[in-house]
Protein backbone atom coordinates (compact mmCIF):
# COMPACT_ATOMS: atom_id res chain seq x y z
CA MET A 1 60.37 -23.08 -20.77
CA THR A 2 61.90 -26.53 -20.61
CA ARG A 3 60.08 -29.60 -21.75
CA TRP A 4 59.68 -30.71 -18.13
CA HIS A 5 58.16 -27.35 -17.14
CA PHE A 6 55.81 -27.54 -20.11
CA ARG A 7 54.62 -31.03 -19.05
CA LEU A 8 54.12 -29.82 -15.48
CA ALA A 9 52.11 -26.78 -16.63
CA LEU A 10 50.03 -28.95 -18.96
CA ALA A 11 49.28 -31.37 -16.11
CA ALA A 12 48.28 -28.50 -13.81
CA VAL A 13 45.87 -27.17 -16.43
CA ALA A 14 44.41 -30.65 -16.84
CA VAL A 15 43.88 -30.93 -13.08
CA LEU A 16 42.26 -27.52 -12.83
CA THR A 17 39.97 -28.01 -15.81
CA GLY A 18 39.15 -31.66 -15.24
CA CYS A 19 40.71 -32.76 -18.53
CA GLY A 20 42.77 -35.87 -18.94
CA SER A 21 41.77 -39.35 -17.98
CA ALA A 22 38.62 -39.91 -15.99
CA ASP A 23 40.46 -40.69 -12.78
CA THR A 24 43.99 -39.27 -12.83
CA THR A 25 46.55 -37.21 -14.72
CA GLU A 26 50.15 -38.34 -14.73
CA ILE A 27 52.91 -35.80 -14.19
CA ALA A 28 56.61 -36.29 -13.83
CA ALA A 29 58.13 -35.84 -10.40
CA ALA A 30 60.20 -32.68 -9.96
CA PRO A 31 63.93 -33.08 -10.70
CA SER A 32 66.33 -32.57 -7.81
CA SER A 33 68.34 -29.96 -9.74
CA SER A 34 68.26 -28.23 -13.11
CA THR A 35 71.26 -30.20 -14.35
CA THR A 36 69.74 -33.66 -13.91
CA ALA A 37 67.36 -35.30 -16.33
CA PRO A 38 63.72 -35.68 -15.28
CA PRO A 39 63.12 -39.01 -13.54
CA THR A 40 61.18 -41.72 -15.29
CA THR A 41 58.81 -42.29 -12.38
CA THR A 42 55.48 -40.56 -12.28
CA ARG A 43 52.94 -39.84 -9.60
CA ARG A 44 49.21 -39.64 -10.02
CA VAL A 45 47.26 -36.48 -9.29
CA PRO A 46 43.45 -36.55 -9.13
CA ALA A 47 41.94 -35.11 -12.30
CA THR A 48 39.29 -33.31 -10.29
CA ILE A 49 39.19 -32.42 -6.64
CA ALA A 50 35.72 -32.04 -5.17
CA PRO A 51 35.29 -29.54 -2.36
CA PRO A 52 34.42 -31.03 1.01
CA THR A 53 30.72 -31.23 1.71
CA THR A 54 29.11 -30.72 5.06
CA THR A 55 25.60 -31.55 6.09
CA VAL A 56 24.06 -29.21 8.59
CA ASP A 57 20.67 -30.11 9.99
CA PRO A 58 18.68 -26.87 10.20
CA TYR A 59 16.38 -28.64 12.69
CA ALA A 60 19.13 -29.93 15.01
CA GLY A 61 18.05 -29.81 18.63
CA GLN A 62 14.36 -29.42 17.79
CA ALA A 63 11.75 -32.01 18.75
CA LEU A 64 10.82 -34.31 15.89
CA ILE A 65 7.67 -35.76 17.46
CA ASP A 66 5.02 -33.46 18.92
CA HIS A 67 2.95 -36.06 20.75
CA VAL A 68 1.47 -39.56 20.57
CA SER A 69 -2.02 -40.76 21.37
CA TRP A 70 -3.60 -44.23 21.65
CA THR A 71 -6.98 -44.93 20.03
CA GLU A 72 -9.06 -48.04 19.31
CA ASN A 73 -10.42 -49.08 15.95
CA ILE A 74 -12.18 -52.15 14.60
CA ASP A 75 -8.90 -54.10 14.44
CA GLY A 76 -7.48 -53.12 17.84
CA PRO A 77 -5.28 -50.46 19.42
CA ARG A 78 -3.56 -47.83 17.32
CA LEU A 79 -0.84 -45.38 18.30
CA LEU A 80 -1.16 -42.08 16.48
CA VAL A 81 2.24 -40.38 16.12
CA PHE A 82 2.14 -36.63 15.44
CA PRO A 83 5.41 -35.32 13.97
CA THR A 84 6.51 -31.71 14.43
CA PRO A 85 7.25 -29.49 11.41
CA ALA A 86 10.93 -30.33 11.96
CA GLY A 87 10.07 -34.03 12.00
CA ARG A 88 8.28 -33.66 8.69
CA LYS A 89 11.08 -31.77 6.95
CA THR A 90 14.45 -32.92 8.27
CA ALA A 91 16.55 -35.10 6.02
CA ALA A 92 19.62 -35.28 8.24
CA PRO A 93 21.18 -38.71 8.74
CA GLY A 94 20.22 -40.43 11.98
CA THR A 95 17.06 -38.42 12.60
CA ASP A 96 14.93 -41.51 12.00
CA GLU A 97 16.39 -43.16 15.10
CA LEU A 98 16.24 -39.92 17.10
CA ALA A 99 12.56 -39.60 16.26
CA TRP A 100 11.90 -43.25 17.22
CA GLN A 101 13.62 -42.61 20.56
CA GLU A 102 11.29 -39.65 21.07
CA VAL A 103 8.25 -41.84 20.36
CA ARG A 104 9.48 -44.43 22.89
CA ALA A 105 10.16 -41.70 25.46
CA LEU A 106 6.63 -40.34 25.02
CA ASP A 107 5.12 -43.82 25.41
CA PRO A 108 7.27 -46.90 26.19
CA ASP A 109 4.40 -49.17 25.03
CA ALA A 110 5.23 -48.06 21.49
CA ASP A 111 8.19 -50.44 21.54
CA ALA A 112 6.05 -53.46 20.60
CA PRO A 113 7.16 -55.97 17.92
CA GLY A 114 6.81 -54.52 14.42
CA MET A 115 6.06 -50.99 15.58
CA ARG A 116 9.58 -49.68 14.89
CA ASP A 117 9.40 -50.97 11.31
CA GLN A 118 5.99 -49.33 10.85
CA PHE A 119 7.41 -46.08 12.23
CA LEU A 120 10.51 -46.17 9.99
CA CYS A 121 8.30 -46.91 6.99
CA HIS A 122 6.26 -43.80 7.76
CA TRP A 123 9.43 -41.78 8.45
CA VAL A 124 10.97 -42.66 5.10
CA TRP A 125 8.00 -43.17 2.77
CA ALA A 126 4.88 -41.51 4.19
CA ARG A 127 6.73 -38.22 4.59
CA MET A 128 7.28 -38.25 0.82
CA VAL A 129 3.90 -39.59 -0.28
CA ALA A 130 1.68 -37.75 2.23
CA PRO A 131 3.82 -35.05 3.87
CA ASP A 132 0.80 -33.34 5.47
CA LYS A 133 -0.87 -36.44 6.91
CA PRO A 134 -1.77 -35.33 10.46
CA SER A 135 -0.56 -38.52 12.16
CA TRP A 136 1.19 -41.77 11.42
CA ASN A 137 -0.69 -44.82 12.65
CA LEU A 138 1.22 -47.65 14.28
CA GLU A 139 -0.64 -50.79 15.29
CA PRO A 140 0.82 -53.38 17.66
CA TRP A 141 -1.57 -56.06 16.37
CA ARG A 142 0.03 -55.99 12.90
CA PRO A 143 2.46 -58.87 12.22
CA ASP A 144 6.18 -58.23 12.71
CA VAL A 145 7.35 -59.05 9.18
CA GLY A 146 10.55 -56.97 8.98
CA TYR A 147 11.18 -53.60 7.41
CA GLN A 148 11.20 -54.62 3.72
CA ALA A 149 7.87 -56.47 3.98
CA THR A 150 6.42 -53.56 5.97
CA VAL A 151 7.38 -51.18 3.16
CA ALA A 152 5.99 -53.57 0.55
CA ALA A 153 2.68 -53.48 2.47
CA ASN A 154 2.59 -49.67 2.39
CA CYS A 155 3.53 -49.58 6.09
CA ASN A 156 0.49 -51.72 6.95
CA PRO A 157 1.48 -55.41 7.07
CA GLY A 158 -1.36 -57.82 7.71
CA GLY A 159 -4.04 -55.83 5.93
CA PRO A 160 -4.99 -52.34 4.80
CA GLU A 161 -5.53 -49.44 7.15
CA ARG A 162 -9.18 -48.99 8.10
């Protein structure tokens, strides 16, 4: 085994085992023939190669919102949003907007200022904190303060839920 072949084999082992530097392993480029000296240039090979990942939504094509219903409380109107089991469990990217589109399709009046932020707050946070809460309450009378402030107010800007 020539010195060049040894270096190439050592580099291959480093690539396969993840040894070497954190980012890359240097190996010499292959010589054009066995009678020429190895070139002085090197190329970089990733030290580790991660397999491709795919995200498959097991709930793709299923409804995310079962139904919506308007009620009145002491503060004013309230839209109760009832998610489906798929809507409670999916973690696929983009399902938040798909679910909001379903809410708007079920009742176009849901598209009032601040209601989308309240919905997204429930979609992201309430599903984790209270995954079995029967409905998510959206109130058009709450101030439109933006998503971050809505989250900071536990999805209820302008006062606690009563």
